[in-house]
Amino acid sequence: MVTLIPAVAVALAILLLAAIISILIQFEGGINPKDDNKRRIVFWVFAILNPIVYWLLAYFYLAPDPEESRRAYNRFIEVIPRDMLIGVISYIIVGIIISKLAVTGKLGHWFPKKK
C-alpha cells in the first residue's frame, strides 16, 4: 500500500505534464491538419514513460536497504510490477476521462470521438 500512493502520484504528475505539452501544441489549419495526431502521440509516449519513471523512483529512492532487511527488500521488489501496472491503468483511465470531458478542446484529441 505504501508503494501504491507514489505510483498513482507519478501517473497523475506525468499526465499533467502530457496535458501541458498537448495544450502547447498549436492548432494547424488547412485541409489535412496533423495537430491531433501529435497530441495523441504525446499522450502515448508519456504513457510509456510512466512506468519507467516510477520504476526509477521506486528502485533508487523508495526501496529499503537490502543490507538491513533482505526480506523487506524482496517484498518491495515483488510489488513494483503491480504498482507500475496500476499507475499505467490509472494514467489511461484519467486520460480517457479528461479527453471525454474536453471534447471540443485540445485534450479531446487524446481519445477522439468516433464519427
N, C-alpha and C. Protein backbone atom coordinates (compact mmCIF):
# COMPACT_ATOMS: atom_id res chain seq x y z
N MET A 1 0.82 -1.19 0.00
CA MET A 1 0.00 0.00 0.00
C MET A 1 0.86 1.26 0.00
N VAL A 2 2.00 1.17 0.65
CA VAL A 2 2.89 2.33 0.73
C VAL A 2 3.43 2.69 -0.65
N THR A 3 3.64 1.70 -1.50
CA THR A 3 4.18 1.97 -2.82
C THR A 3 3.09 2.31 -3.84
N LEU A 4 1.85 2.07 -3.49
CA LEU A 4 0.75 2.35 -4.41
C LEU A 4 0.51 3.85 -4.55
N ILE A 5 0.61 4.57 -3.47
CA ILE A 5 0.37 6.02 -3.50
C ILE A 5 1.39 6.74 -4.38
N PRO A 6 2.70 6.44 -4.28
CA PRO A 6 3.63 7.08 -5.22
C PRO A 6 3.40 6.68 -6.67
N ALA A 7 2.92 5.47 -6.92
CA ALA A 7 2.66 5.05 -8.30
C ALA A 7 1.54 5.88 -8.91
N VAL A 8 0.48 6.11 -8.18
CA VAL A 8 -0.62 6.92 -8.68
C VAL A 8 -0.20 8.39 -8.77
N ALA A 9 0.59 8.86 -7.79
CA ALA A 9 1.06 10.24 -7.83
C ALA A 9 1.96 10.49 -9.04
N VAL A 10 2.83 9.55 -9.36
CA VAL A 10 3.69 9.68 -10.54
C VAL A 10 2.83 9.68 -11.81
N ALA A 11 1.83 8.81 -11.85
CA ALA A 11 0.94 8.75 -13.03
C ALA A 11 0.22 10.08 -13.22
N LEU A 12 -0.29 10.65 -12.14
CA LEU A 12 -1.00 11.93 -12.26
C LEU A 12 -0.06 13.07 -12.63
N ALA A 13 1.15 13.05 -12.09
CA ALA A 13 2.12 14.09 -12.44
C ALA A 13 2.52 14.01 -13.91
N ILE A 14 2.73 12.81 -14.39
CA ILE A 14 3.09 12.63 -15.80
C ILE A 14 1.91 12.97 -16.70
N LEU A 15 0.70 12.67 -16.25
CA LEU A 15 -0.49 13.06 -17.00
C LEU A 15 -0.61 14.57 -17.08
N LEU A 16 -0.31 15.26 -16.00
CA LEU A 16 -0.33 16.72 -16.01
C LEU A 16 0.70 17.27 -16.99
N LEU A 17 1.88 16.67 -17.01
CA LEU A 17 2.91 17.10 -17.96
C LEU A 17 2.47 16.84 -19.40
N ALA A 18 1.86 15.69 -19.66
CA ALA A 18 1.35 15.39 -21.00
C ALA A 18 0.25 16.37 -21.40
N ALA A 19 -0.59 16.75 -20.44
CA ALA A 19 -1.66 17.71 -20.74
C ALA A 19 -1.08 19.07 -21.07
N ILE A 20 -0.09 19.50 -20.32
CA ILE A 20 0.53 20.80 -20.58
C ILE A 20 1.17 20.83 -21.97
N ILE A 21 1.90 19.77 -22.31
CA ILE A 21 2.54 19.72 -23.63
C ILE A 21 1.49 19.65 -24.73
N SER A 22 0.42 18.90 -24.51
CA SER A 22 -0.64 18.80 -25.52
C SER A 22 -1.33 20.15 -25.73
N ILE A 23 -1.51 20.89 -24.66
CA ILE A 23 -2.14 22.21 -24.78
C ILE A 23 -1.23 23.18 -25.52
N LEU A 24 0.07 23.02 -25.37
CA LEU A 24 1.02 23.91 -26.03
C LEU A 24 1.13 23.66 -27.53
N ILE A 25 0.68 22.52 -28.02
CA ILE A 25 0.72 22.23 -29.45
C ILE A 25 -0.36 23.06 -30.13
N GLN A 26 0.04 23.87 -31.08
CA GLN A 26 -0.88 24.79 -31.75
C GLN A 26 -1.81 24.05 -32.71
N PHE A 27 -3.03 24.59 -32.85
CA PHE A 27 -3.94 24.08 -33.87
C PHE A 27 -3.35 24.37 -35.24
N GLU A 28 -3.46 23.43 -36.16
CA GLU A 28 -2.99 23.63 -37.52
C GLU A 28 -4.19 23.84 -38.44
N GLY A 29 -4.04 24.71 -39.37
CA GLY A 29 -5.10 24.94 -40.35
C GLY A 29 -4.87 24.09 -41.58
N GLY A 30 -5.70 24.28 -42.54
CA GLY A 30 -5.53 23.57 -43.81
C GLY A 30 -6.44 22.38 -43.94
N ILE A 31 -6.24 21.67 -45.03
CA ILE A 31 -7.10 20.54 -45.36
C ILE A 31 -6.78 19.31 -44.51
N ASN A 32 -5.51 19.07 -44.24
CA ASN A 32 -5.09 17.87 -43.54
C ASN A 32 -4.23 18.23 -42.32
N PRO A 33 -4.81 18.76 -41.24
CA PRO A 33 -4.01 19.13 -40.07
C PRO A 33 -3.50 17.90 -39.33
N LYS A 34 -2.31 18.00 -38.75
CA LYS A 34 -1.67 16.89 -38.04
C LYS A 34 -1.58 17.13 -36.53
N ASP A 35 -2.17 18.22 -36.04
CA ASP A 35 -2.01 18.54 -34.63
C ASP A 35 -2.68 17.53 -33.71
N ASP A 36 -3.79 16.94 -34.12
CA ASP A 36 -4.45 15.96 -33.27
C ASP A 36 -3.61 14.70 -33.11
N ASN A 37 -2.92 14.29 -34.16
CA ASN A 37 -2.03 13.13 -34.06
C ASN A 37 -0.84 13.41 -33.15
N LYS A 38 -0.33 14.63 -33.19
CA LYS A 38 0.78 14.99 -32.31
C LYS A 38 0.36 14.90 -30.84
N ARG A 39 -0.83 15.37 -30.52
CA ARG A 39 -1.32 15.30 -29.15
C ARG A 39 -1.51 13.86 -28.70
N ARG A 40 -2.03 13.03 -29.60
CA ARG A 40 -2.21 11.62 -29.28
C ARG A 40 -0.87 10.94 -29.05
N ILE A 41 0.13 11.27 -29.85
CA ILE A 41 1.47 10.70 -29.68
C ILE A 41 2.07 11.13 -28.35
N VAL A 42 1.88 12.40 -27.99
CA VAL A 42 2.38 12.88 -26.70
C VAL A 42 1.76 12.07 -25.56
N PHE A 43 0.45 11.84 -25.63
CA PHE A 43 -0.22 11.07 -24.58
C PHE A 43 0.38 9.68 -24.46
N TRP A 44 0.57 8.99 -25.58
CA TRP A 44 1.05 7.60 -25.52
C TRP A 44 2.54 7.51 -25.19
N VAL A 45 3.33 8.48 -25.60
CA VAL A 45 4.75 8.48 -25.21
C VAL A 45 4.87 8.62 -23.70
N PHE A 46 4.07 9.51 -23.13
CA PHE A 46 4.12 9.67 -21.68
C PHE A 46 3.52 8.46 -20.96
N ALA A 47 2.60 7.75 -21.60
CA ALA A 47 2.08 6.51 -21.02
C ALA A 47 3.19 5.46 -20.93
N ILE A 48 4.09 5.46 -21.90
CA ILE A 48 5.23 4.54 -21.86
C ILE A 48 6.26 4.99 -20.84
N LEU A 49 6.45 6.30 -20.72
CA LEU A 49 7.42 6.82 -19.75
C LEU A 49 6.94 6.65 -18.29
N ASN A 50 5.64 6.57 -18.09
CA ASN A 50 5.09 6.48 -16.74
C ASN A 50 5.69 5.32 -15.92
N PRO A 51 5.65 4.07 -16.39
CA PRO A 51 6.23 3.00 -15.56
C PRO A 51 7.75 3.10 -15.44
N ILE A 52 8.40 3.65 -16.44
CA ILE A 52 9.85 3.80 -16.37
C ILE A 52 10.23 4.78 -15.27
N VAL A 53 9.55 5.91 -15.24
CA VAL A 53 9.83 6.92 -14.20
C VAL A 53 9.51 6.36 -12.82
N TYR A 54 8.37 5.65 -12.70
CA TYR A 54 8.03 5.09 -11.40
C TYR A 54 9.05 4.04 -10.97
N TRP A 55 9.49 3.19 -11.87
CA TRP A 55 10.47 2.17 -11.51
C TRP A 55 11.76 2.81 -11.02
N LEU A 56 12.22 3.85 -11.73
CA LEU A 56 13.43 4.54 -11.30
C LEU A 56 13.26 5.17 -9.92
N LEU A 57 12.12 5.78 -9.69
CA LEU A 57 11.84 6.38 -8.39
C LEU A 57 11.81 5.32 -7.30
N ALA A 58 11.11 4.23 -7.57
CA ALA A 58 10.97 3.17 -6.58
C ALA A 58 12.31 2.48 -6.30
N TYR A 59 13.04 2.20 -7.34
CA TYR A 59 14.28 1.45 -7.17
C TYR A 59 15.37 2.27 -6.47
N PHE A 60 15.48 3.55 -6.83
CA PHE A 60 16.57 4.35 -6.29
C PHE A 60 16.20 5.18 -5.07
N TYR A 61 14.90 5.40 -4.84
CA TYR A 61 14.53 6.28 -3.74
C TYR A 61 13.67 5.59 -2.68
N LEU A 62 12.70 4.80 -3.10
CA LEU A 62 11.76 4.22 -2.15
C LEU A 62 12.18 2.86 -1.60
N ALA A 63 13.04 2.16 -2.30
CA ALA A 63 13.41 0.80 -1.89
C ALA A 63 14.16 0.79 -0.57
N PRO A 64 13.81 -0.17 0.30
CA PRO A 64 14.57 -0.30 1.55
C PRO A 64 15.97 -0.84 1.26
N ASP A 65 16.86 -0.61 2.18
CA ASP A 65 18.24 -1.06 2.02
C ASP A 65 18.29 -2.59 2.14
N PRO A 66 18.78 -3.28 1.11
CA PRO A 66 18.79 -4.74 1.17
C PRO A 66 19.74 -5.29 2.24
N GLU A 67 20.72 -4.50 2.63
CA GLU A 67 21.65 -4.97 3.66
C GLU A 67 21.01 -4.95 5.04
N GLU A 68 20.03 -4.07 5.26
CA GLU A 68 19.37 -4.00 6.55
C GLU A 68 18.32 -5.10 6.70
N SER A 69 17.48 -5.25 5.68
CA SER A 69 16.41 -6.25 5.74
C SER A 69 16.18 -6.81 4.35
N ARG A 70 16.73 -7.97 4.12
CA ARG A 70 16.60 -8.61 2.81
C ARG A 70 15.15 -8.98 2.52
N ARG A 71 14.43 -9.40 3.55
CA ARG A 71 13.04 -9.79 3.37
C ARG A 71 12.18 -8.59 2.96
N ALA A 72 12.36 -7.46 3.61
CA ALA A 72 11.60 -6.26 3.26
C ALA A 72 11.93 -5.81 1.84
N TYR A 73 13.19 -5.91 1.47
CA TYR A 73 13.60 -5.54 0.12
C TYR A 73 12.97 -6.46 -0.92
N ASN A 74 12.96 -7.77 -0.67
CA ASN A 74 12.37 -8.73 -1.61
C ASN A 74 10.86 -8.50 -1.75
N ARG A 75 10.17 -8.24 -0.64
CA ARG A 75 8.73 -7.96 -0.71
C ARG A 75 8.48 -6.68 -1.49
N PHE A 76 9.33 -5.69 -1.30
CA PHE A 76 9.19 -4.43 -2.02
C PHE A 76 9.36 -4.65 -3.52
N ILE A 77 10.36 -5.39 -3.91
CA ILE A 77 10.62 -5.65 -5.33
C ILE A 77 9.48 -6.45 -5.95
N GLU A 78 8.82 -7.30 -5.17
CA GLU A 78 7.71 -8.09 -5.70
C GLU A 78 6.49 -7.24 -6.05
N VAL A 79 6.27 -6.13 -5.35
CA VAL A 79 5.07 -5.32 -5.59
C VAL A 79 5.29 -4.23 -6.64
N ILE A 80 6.52 -3.99 -7.05
CA ILE A 80 6.80 -2.94 -8.01
C ILE A 80 6.08 -3.18 -9.35
N PRO A 81 6.09 -4.37 -9.94
CA PRO A 81 5.35 -4.56 -11.20
C PRO A 81 3.85 -4.30 -11.07
N ARG A 82 3.27 -4.73 -9.95
CA ARG A 82 1.84 -4.48 -9.74
C ARG A 82 1.57 -2.98 -9.67
N ASP A 83 2.40 -2.26 -8.97
CA ASP A 83 2.21 -0.81 -8.83
C ASP A 83 2.44 -0.09 -10.15
N MET A 84 3.38 -0.57 -10.96
CA MET A 84 3.60 0.02 -12.27
C MET A 84 2.35 -0.17 -13.14
N LEU A 85 1.75 -1.34 -13.08
CA LEU A 85 0.54 -1.62 -13.83
C LEU A 85 -0.61 -0.74 -13.36
N ILE A 86 -0.76 -0.60 -12.06
CA ILE A 86 -1.81 0.27 -11.53
C ILE A 86 -1.58 1.72 -11.95
N GLY A 87 -0.33 2.15 -11.97
CA GLY A 87 -0.02 3.51 -12.41
C GLY A 87 -0.39 3.73 -13.87
N VAL A 88 -0.08 2.78 -14.72
CA VAL A 88 -0.40 2.90 -16.15
C VAL A 88 -1.92 2.88 -16.35
N ILE A 89 -2.59 1.99 -15.65
CA ILE A 89 -4.05 1.92 -15.78
C ILE A 89 -4.70 3.21 -15.30
N SER A 90 -4.23 3.74 -14.18
CA SER A 90 -4.81 4.99 -13.68
C SER A 90 -4.51 6.14 -14.63
N TYR A 91 -3.32 6.16 -15.24
CA TYR A 91 -2.96 7.18 -16.22
C TYR A 91 -3.93 7.15 -17.40
N ILE A 92 -4.19 5.95 -17.92
CA ILE A 92 -5.06 5.82 -19.09
C ILE A 92 -6.51 6.13 -18.72
N ILE A 93 -6.99 5.67 -17.59
CA ILE A 93 -8.38 5.93 -17.20
C ILE A 93 -8.62 7.42 -16.99
N VAL A 94 -7.72 8.08 -16.26
CA VAL A 94 -7.89 9.52 -16.04
C VAL A 94 -7.72 10.27 -17.36
N GLY A 95 -6.83 9.81 -18.24
CA GLY A 95 -6.68 10.41 -19.57
C GLY A 95 -7.94 10.30 -20.39
N ILE A 96 -8.60 9.15 -20.33
CA ILE A 96 -9.87 8.97 -21.06
C ILE A 96 -10.93 9.91 -20.50
N ILE A 97 -11.00 10.01 -19.18
CA ILE A 97 -11.99 10.89 -18.56
C ILE A 97 -11.75 12.34 -18.96
N ILE A 98 -10.50 12.77 -18.91
CA ILE A 98 -10.18 14.15 -19.30
C ILE A 98 -10.51 14.37 -20.78
N SER A 99 -10.18 13.41 -21.61
CA SER A 99 -10.44 13.53 -23.04
C SER A 99 -11.94 13.61 -23.33
N LYS A 100 -12.73 12.86 -22.62
CA LYS A 100 -14.18 12.88 -22.85
C LYS A 100 -14.81 14.15 -22.28
N LEU A 101 -14.22 14.73 -21.24
CA LEU A 101 -14.74 15.98 -20.69
C LEU A 101 -14.37 17.18 -21.55
N ALA A 102 -13.23 17.10 -22.22
CA ALA A 102 -12.75 18.22 -23.04
C ALA A 102 -12.89 17.88 -24.52
N VAL A 103 -14.06 17.49 -24.93
CA VAL A 103 -14.29 17.02 -26.31
C VAL A 103 -13.92 18.09 -27.34
N THR A 104 -14.27 19.33 -27.08
CA THR A 104 -14.01 20.38 -28.06
C THR A 104 -12.65 21.03 -27.86
N GLY A 105 -11.92 20.68 -26.82
CA GLY A 105 -10.62 21.27 -26.57
C GLY A 105 -9.48 20.45 -27.13
N LYS A 106 -8.29 20.88 -26.83
CA LYS A 106 -7.10 20.19 -27.34
C LYS A 106 -6.91 18.81 -26.70
N LEU A 107 -7.30 18.66 -25.44
CA LEU A 107 -7.14 17.36 -24.79
C LEU A 107 -8.16 16.34 -25.27
N GLY A 108 -9.18 16.79 -25.96
CA GLY A 108 -10.16 15.87 -26.53
C GLY A 108 -9.59 15.04 -27.67
N HIS A 109 -8.41 15.39 -28.16
CA HIS A 109 -7.78 14.65 -29.25
C HIS A 109 -7.06 13.40 -28.77
N TRP A 110 -6.89 13.24 -27.46
CA TRP A 110 -6.23 12.03 -26.96
C TRP A 110 -7.05 10.79 -27.35
N PHE A 111 -8.35 10.85 -27.11
CA PHE A 111 -9.26 9.77 -27.48
C PHE A 111 -10.42 10.41 -28.24
N PRO A 112 -10.27 10.60 -29.53
CA PRO A 112 -11.30 11.32 -30.28
C PRO A 112 -12.60 10.54 -30.37
N LYS A 113 -13.68 11.29 -30.49
CA LYS A 113 -14.99 10.69 -30.66
C LYS A 113 -15.09 10.13 -32.08
N LYS A 114 -15.62 8.92 -32.18
CA LYS A 114 -15.79 8.29 -33.50
C LYS A 114 -16.83 9.04 -34.30
N LYS A 115 -16.59 9.19 -35.60
CA LYS A 115 -17.51 9.91 -36.47
C LYS A 115 -18.57 9.00 -37.01
